[in-house]
């Protein structure tokens, strides 16, 4: 009989330890999920900022070209020509 109670006590102790480990892992899992959410928010924010800065960079390049900078003159001319073609197309559409 005492052998059986020792086995039961041993199993109870192991189950208690296992339950505590499970709770600890669940807490750690929740913490990691929260970190993932925060990281995702930061990444999204940074991606928006990058897109905004790239747009601003393109605007500055074009402005420099219009002000006489030789670096991006070709790109600016191509962009202006493209805009003129679009305007011409709109005018022809309106006149039809």
Protein backbone atom coordinates (compact mmCIF):
# COMPACT_ATOMS: atom_id res chain seq x y z
CA UNK A 1 0.00 0.00 0.00
CA UNK A 2 2.74 2.46 0.88
CA UNK A 3 4.31 1.79 -2.53
CA UNK A 4 1.06 2.78 -4.21
CA UNK A 5 0.75 6.01 -2.21
CA UNK A 6 4.35 6.89 -3.06
CA UNK A 7 3.60 6.41 -6.75
CA UNK A 8 0.46 8.54 -6.47
CA UNK A 9 2.39 11.27 -4.61
CA UNK A 10 5.14 11.12 -7.21
CA UNK A 11 2.58 11.46 -10.02
CA UNK A 12 0.84 14.36 -8.23
CA UNK A 13 4.15 16.17 -7.82
CA UNK A 14 5.02 15.64 -11.47
CA UNK A 15 1.57 16.81 -12.59
CA UNK A 16 1.89 19.92 -10.43
CA UNK A 17 5.32 20.69 -11.91
CA UNK A 18 3.97 20.09 -15.40
CA UNK A 19 1.01 22.38 -14.75
CA UNK A 20 3.32 25.13 -13.46
CA UNK A 21 5.54 24.80 -16.54
CA UNK A 22 2.48 24.96 -18.76
CA UNK A 23 1.27 28.16 -17.08
CA UNK A 24 4.73 29.69 -17.37
CA UNK A 25 4.91 28.81 -21.08
CA UNK A 26 1.44 30.24 -21.69
CA UNK A 27 2.48 33.51 -20.05
CA UNK A 28 5.67 33.60 -22.08
CA UNK A 29 3.69 32.85 -25.25
CA UNK A 30 1.32 35.73 -24.51
CA UNK A 31 4.28 38.03 -23.89
CA UNK A 32 5.83 37.02 -27.22
CA UNK A 33 2.54 37.55 -29.05
CA UNK A 34 2.34 41.06 -27.58
CA UNK A 35 5.90 41.73 -28.73
CA UNK A 36 4.98 40.55 -32.23
CA UNK A 37 2.01 42.94 -32.31
CA UNK A 38 4.16 45.84 -31.17
CA UNK A 39 6.85 44.97 -33.71
CA UNK A 40 4.25 44.81 -36.47
CA UNK A 41 2.97 48.25 -35.51
CA UNK A 42 6.51 49.65 -35.57
CA UNK A 43 7.22 48.04 -38.96
CA UNK A 44 4.02 49.45 -40.46
CA UNK A 45 4.82 52.89 -39.11
CA UNK A 46 8.34 52.74 -40.50
CA UNK A 47 7.10 51.55 -43.89
CA UNK A 48 4.74 54.53 -44.08
CA UNK A 49 7.57 56.85 -43.11
CA UNK A 50 9.85 55.32 -45.76
CA UNK A 51 7.19 55.79 -48.44
CA UNK A 52 6.70 59.39 -47.38
CA UNK A 53 10.45 60.06 -47.42
CA UNK A 54 10.83 58.44 -50.85
CA UNK A 55 8.06 60.66 -52.20
CA UNK A 56 9.67 63.70 -50.63
CA UNK A 57 13.03 62.69 -52.11
CA UNK A 58 11.53 62.47 -55.61
CA UNK A 59 9.93 65.89 -55.16
CA UNK A 60 13.24 67.36 -54.06
CA UNK A 61 15.04 65.81 -57.04
CA UNK A 62 12.52 67.32 -59.41
CA UNK A 63 12.73 70.70 -57.68
CA UNK A 64 16.52 70.64 -57.94
CA UNK A 65 16.29 69.85 -61.62
CA UNK A 66 13.87 72.70 -62.22
CA UNK A 67 16.16 75.06 -60.35
CA UNK A 68 19.05 74.25 -62.65
CA UNK A 69 20.66 71.17 -61.15
CA UNK A 70 22.13 68.98 -63.88
CA UNK A 71 21.90 65.73 -61.91
CA UNK A 72 18.26 64.88 -62.56
CA UNK A 73 17.51 67.05 -65.59
CA UNK A 74 16.80 64.10 -67.87
CA UNK A 75 14.37 62.54 -65.40
CA UNK A 76 12.59 65.85 -64.94
CA UNK A 77 12.29 66.42 -68.69
CA UNK A 78 10.84 62.93 -69.12
CA UNK A 79 8.36 63.54 -66.30
CA UNK A 80 7.32 66.91 -67.75
CA UNK A 81 6.90 65.37 -71.21
CA UNK A 82 4.81 62.61 -69.71
CA UNK A 83 2.61 65.14 -67.93
CA UNK A 84 2.22 67.17 -71.13
CA UNK A 85 1.14 64.05 -73.03
CA UNK A 86 -1.41 63.28 -70.32
CA UNK A 87 -2.75 66.84 -70.48
CA UNK A 88 -2.94 66.67 -74.29
CA UNK A 89 -4.80 63.38 -74.06
CA UNK A 90 -7.27 64.88 -71.58
CA UNK A 91 -7.81 67.88 -73.85
CA UNK A 92 -8.51 65.67 -76.85
CA UNK A 93 -10.94 63.60 -74.77
CA UNK A 94 -12.76 66.73 -73.69
CA UNK A 95 -12.95 68.13 -77.21
CA UNK A 96 -14.48 64.93 -78.65
